[in-house]
Amino acid sequence: MKFAKTSEIIIKKSKFYGYLLENATEERVEEALKWLREQHKKATHVCYAYVLSNPLREKFSDDGEPSRTSGYAILSVLNKKKLTDVAVMVVRYFGGIKLGGGGLVRAYTMATSQLFMGEK
C-alpha cells in the first residue's frame, strides 16, 4: 500500500503513526485500513477520517477510543484545511499511560497535522 505521507509521534510512551491517503475513495480507504491492521497487528487502535467529494461525504472512526477524541480530531484537521478526496489513518500503540480526552484530541490532531507540515 502506498501512502502520500507518513508521520510518527510519541506522547507519554504511546506511539502514533499517521498515514495520508490521497485520491481517496471508500474502496481505497477500506483497502488501506485492512492493510494497516495487517501491518500493525499489535496496535490498540486504527482511527481514521475521510472527506470525499462527488457527492460530498465525511466519515470518521474512533476505533474504541473515547467518543470524538480521535477520528473526529482527524476530521477536524481535514475540514480546517478544506481538503477533499483524502483520508488520514492514525495507528496507536498504547504506552501504558492514559492521556485523557484532551490529551487524545491533541495527540491525534498532532499526528494528522504533521502530515501537512510545510503546506499552506
C-alpha atoms as a PDB file:
ATOM      1  CA  MET A   1       0.000   0.000   0.000  1.00  0.00           C
ATOM      2  CA  LYS A   2       1.368   3.411  -0.925  1.00  0.00           C
ATOM      3  CA  PHE A   3       0.645   6.475   1.189  1.00  0.00           C
ATOM      4  CA  ALA A   4       1.406  10.059   0.180  1.00  0.00           C
ATOM      5  CA  LYS A   5       2.961  10.868   3.566  1.00  0.00           C
ATOM      6  CA  THR A   6       3.503   9.345   6.984  1.00  0.00           C
ATOM      7  CA  SER A   7       4.161  10.765  10.443  1.00  0.00           C
ATOM      8  CA  GLU A   8       5.225   9.447  13.822  1.00  0.00           C
ATOM      9  CA  ILE A   9       4.937  10.949  17.286  1.00  0.00           C
ATOM     10  CA  ILE A  10       5.412   9.573  20.783  1.00  0.00           C
ATOM     11  CA  ILE A  11       3.419  11.029  23.654  1.00  0.00           C
ATOM     12  CA  LYS A  12       3.767   9.569  27.155  1.00  0.00           C
ATOM     13  CA  LYS A  13       5.069   6.278  25.718  1.00  0.00           C
ATOM     14  CA  SER A  14       2.137   5.890  23.276  1.00  0.00           C
ATOM     15  CA  LYS A  15       3.201   5.786  19.627  1.00  0.00           C
ATOM     16  CA  PHE A  16       1.021   7.384  16.955  1.00  0.00           C
ATOM     17  CA  TYR A  17       1.667   6.679  13.266  1.00  0.00           C
ATOM     18  CA  GLY A  18      -0.172   8.862  10.751  1.00  0.00           C
ATOM     19  CA  TYR A  19      -0.868   7.896   7.140  1.00  0.00           C
ATOM     20  CA  LEU A  20      -2.168  10.194   4.389  1.00  0.00           C
ATOM     21  CA  LEU A  21      -4.109   8.632   1.518  1.00  0.00           C
ATOM     22  CA  GLU A  22      -4.686  10.962  -1.423  1.00  0.00           C
ATOM     23  CA  ASN A  23      -7.240  10.433  -4.208  1.00  0.00           C
ATOM     24  CA  ALA A  24      -9.287   8.544  -1.656  1.00  0.00           C
ATOM     25  CA  THR A  25     -12.421   6.583  -2.398  1.00  0.00           C
ATOM     26  CA  GLU A  26     -14.416   4.452   0.035  1.00  0.00           C
ATOM     27  CA  GLU A  27     -12.899   1.341  -1.560  1.00  0.00           C
ATOM     28  CA  ARG A  28      -9.319   2.644  -1.249  1.00  0.00           C
ATOM     29  CA  VAL A  29      -9.934   3.642   2.372  1.00  0.00           C
ATOM     30  CA  GLU A  30     -11.207   0.148   3.225  1.00  0.00           C
ATOM     31  CA  GLU A  31      -8.210  -1.408   1.457  1.00  0.00           C
ATOM     32  CA  ALA A  32      -5.810   0.891   3.352  1.00  0.00           C
ATOM     33  CA  LEU A  33      -7.450   0.125   6.697  1.00  0.00           C
ATOM     34  CA  LYS A  34      -7.224  -3.614   6.046  1.00  0.00           C
ATOM     35  CA  TRP A  35      -3.554  -3.272   5.097  1.00  0.00           C
ATOM     36  CA  LEU A  36      -2.752  -1.157   8.179  1.00  0.00           C
ATOM     37  CA  ARG A  37      -4.476  -3.617  10.509  1.00  0.00           C
ATOM     38  CA  GLU A  38      -2.416  -6.432   8.986  1.00  0.00           C
ATOM     39  CA  GLN A  39       0.829  -4.439   9.326  1.00  0.00           C
ATOM     40  CA  HIS A  40       0.074  -3.248  12.877  1.00  0.00           C
ATOM     41  CA  LYS A  41      -1.468  -6.337  14.463  1.00  0.00           C
ATOM     42  CA  LYS A  42      -0.396  -5.305  17.966  1.00  0.00           C
ATOM     43  CA  ALA A  43      -1.760  -1.749  17.678  1.00  0.00           C
ATOM     44  CA  THR A  44      -4.544  -0.867  20.087  1.00  0.00           C
ATOM     45  CA  HIS A  45      -6.409   1.494  17.707  1.00  0.00           C
ATOM     46  CA  VAL A  46      -6.574   2.342  13.999  1.00  0.00           C
ATOM     47  CA  CYS A  47      -8.571   5.567  13.849  1.00  0.00           C
ATOM     48  CA  TYR A  48      -9.414   7.400  10.668  1.00  0.00           C
ATOM     49  CA  ALA A  49     -11.349  10.103   8.903  1.00  0.00           C
ATOM     50  CA  TYR A  50     -12.012  10.977   5.309  1.00  0.00           C
ATOM     51  CA  VAL A  51     -13.669  13.656   3.216  1.00  0.00           C
ATOM     52  CA  LEU A  52     -14.832  12.659  -0.249  1.00  0.00           C
ATOM     53  CA  SER A  53     -16.386  14.754  -2.993  1.00  0.00           C
ATOM     54  CA  ASN A  54     -18.989  13.965  -5.623  1.00  0.00           C
ATOM     55  CA  PRO A  55     -21.150  13.732  -3.578  1.00  0.00           C
ATOM     56  CA  LEU A  56     -19.572  15.396  -0.555  1.00  0.00           C
ATOM     57  CA  ARG A  57     -19.429  12.996   2.386  1.00  0.00           C
ATOM     58  CA  GLU A  58     -17.402  12.593   5.549  1.00  0.00           C
ATOM     59  CA  LYS A  59     -16.787   9.698   7.869  1.00  0.00           C
ATOM     60  CA  PHE A  60     -14.653   9.091  10.943  1.00  0.00           C
ATOM     61  CA  SER A  61     -13.993   6.266  13.364  1.00  0.00           C
ATOM     62  CA  ASP A  62     -12.638   6.405  16.922  1.00  0.00           C
ATOM     63  CA  ASP A  63     -11.976   2.627  16.839  1.00  0.00           C
ATOM     64  CA  GLY A  64     -12.569   2.144  20.550  1.00  0.00           C
ATOM     65  CA  GLU A  65     -11.034   5.406  21.768  1.00  0.00           C
ATOM     66  CA  PRO A  66     -13.421   7.618  23.787  1.00  0.00           C
ATOM     67  CA  SER A  67     -16.077   9.184  21.577  1.00  0.00           C
ATOM     68  CA  ARG A  68     -14.924  12.090  19.368  1.00  0.00           C
ATOM     69  CA  THR A  69     -11.345  12.099  20.697  1.00  0.00           C
ATOM     70  CA  SER A  70      -9.578  10.604  17.700  1.00  0.00           C
ATOM     71  CA  GLY A  71     -11.454  10.175  14.419  1.00  0.00           C
ATOM     72  CA  TYR A  72     -13.285  13.452  14.898  1.00  0.00           C
ATOM     73  CA  ALA A  73      -9.981  15.191  15.721  1.00  0.00           C
ATOM     74  CA  ILE A  74      -8.548  13.873  12.443  1.00  0.00           C
ATOM     75  CA  LEU A  75     -11.660  15.013  10.538  1.00  0.00           C
ATOM     76  CA  SER A  76     -11.410  18.472  12.103  1.00  0.00           C
ATOM     77  CA  VAL A  77      -7.915  18.932  10.648  1.00  0.00           C
ATOM     78  CA  LEU A  78      -9.101  17.850   7.191  1.00  0.00           C
ATOM     79  CA  ASN A  79     -12.046  20.256   7.347  1.00  0.00           C
ATOM     80  CA  LYS A  80      -9.912  23.130   8.633  1.00  0.00           C
ATOM     81  CA  LYS A  81      -7.607  22.646   5.636  1.00  0.00           C
ATOM     82  CA  LYS A  82     -10.654  22.366   3.317  1.00  0.00           C
ATOM     83  CA  LEU A  83      -9.400  19.094   1.836  1.00  0.00           C
ATOM     84  CA  THR A  84     -11.441  16.627  -0.176  1.00  0.00           C
ATOM     85  CA  ASP A  85     -10.757  13.176  -1.552  1.00  0.00           C
ATOM     86  CA  VAL A  86      -8.278  12.482   1.234  1.00  0.00           C
ATOM     87  CA  ALA A  87      -8.183  10.089   4.153  1.00  0.00           C
ATOM     88  CA  VAL A  88      -5.959  10.022   7.214  1.00  0.00           C
ATOM     89  CA  MET A  89      -5.439   6.967   9.349  1.00  0.00           C
ATOM     90  CA  VAL A  90      -3.648   7.118  12.700  1.00  0.00           C
ATOM     91  CA  VAL A  91      -2.420   3.901  14.296  1.00  0.00           C
ATOM     92  CA  ARG A  92      -1.896   3.978  18.065  1.00  0.00           C
ATOM     93  CA  TYR A  93       0.171   1.707  20.239  1.00  0.00           C
ATOM     94  CA  PHE A  94      -0.843   2.310  23.860  1.00  0.00           C
ATOM     95  CA  GLY A  95       2.171   3.075  26.052  1.00  0.00           C
ATOM     96  CA  GLY A  96       0.621   2.364  29.436  1.00  0.00           C
ATOM     97  CA  ILE A  97      -0.173   5.948  30.451  1.00  0.00           C
ATOM     98  CA  LYS A  98      -3.704   7.252  29.935  1.00  0.00           C
ATOM     99  CA  LEU A  99      -3.778  10.584  28.090  1.00  0.00           C
ATOM    100  CA  GLY A 100      -7.321  11.642  28.947  1.00  0.00           C
ATOM    101  CA  GLY A 101      -9.804  13.075  26.459  1.00  0.00           C
ATOM    102  CA  GLY A 102      -7.960  16.337  25.863  1.00  0.00           C
ATOM    103  CA  GLY A 103      -4.641  14.551  25.532  1.00  0.00           C
ATOM    104  CA  LEU A 104      -6.063  12.170  22.946  1.00  0.00           C
ATOM    105  CA  VAL A 105      -7.539  15.018  20.910  1.00  0.00           C
ATOM    106  CA  ARG A 106      -4.163  16.795  20.946  1.00  0.00           C
ATOM    107  CA  ALA A 107      -2.257  13.620  20.036  1.00  0.00           C
ATOM    108  CA  TYR A 108      -4.476  12.674  17.085  1.00  0.00           C
ATOM    109  CA  THR A 109      -4.580  16.302  15.912  1.00  0.00           C
ATOM    110  CA  MET A 110      -0.786  16.491  16.066  1.00  0.00           C
ATOM    111  CA  ALA A 111      -0.269  13.175  14.241  1.00  0.00           C
ATOM    112  CA  THR A 112      -2.600  14.411  11.485  1.00  0.00           C
ATOM    113  CA  SER A 113      -1.213  17.951  11.309  1.00  0.00           C
ATOM    114  CA  GLN A 114       2.339  16.635  10.876  1.00  0.00           C
ATOM    115  CA  LEU A 115       1.240  15.088   7.584  1.00  0.00           C
ATOM    116  CA  PHE A 116       0.638  18.593   6.238  1.00  0.00           C
ATOM    117  CA  MET A 117       3.694  20.384   7.655  1.00  0.00           C
ATOM    118  CA  GLY A 118       5.144  22.819   5.170  1.00  0.00           C
ATOM    119  CA  GLU A 119       1.890  23.063   3.200  1.00  0.00           C
ATOM    120  CA  LYS A 120      -0.437  26.031   3.100  1.00  0.00           C
END
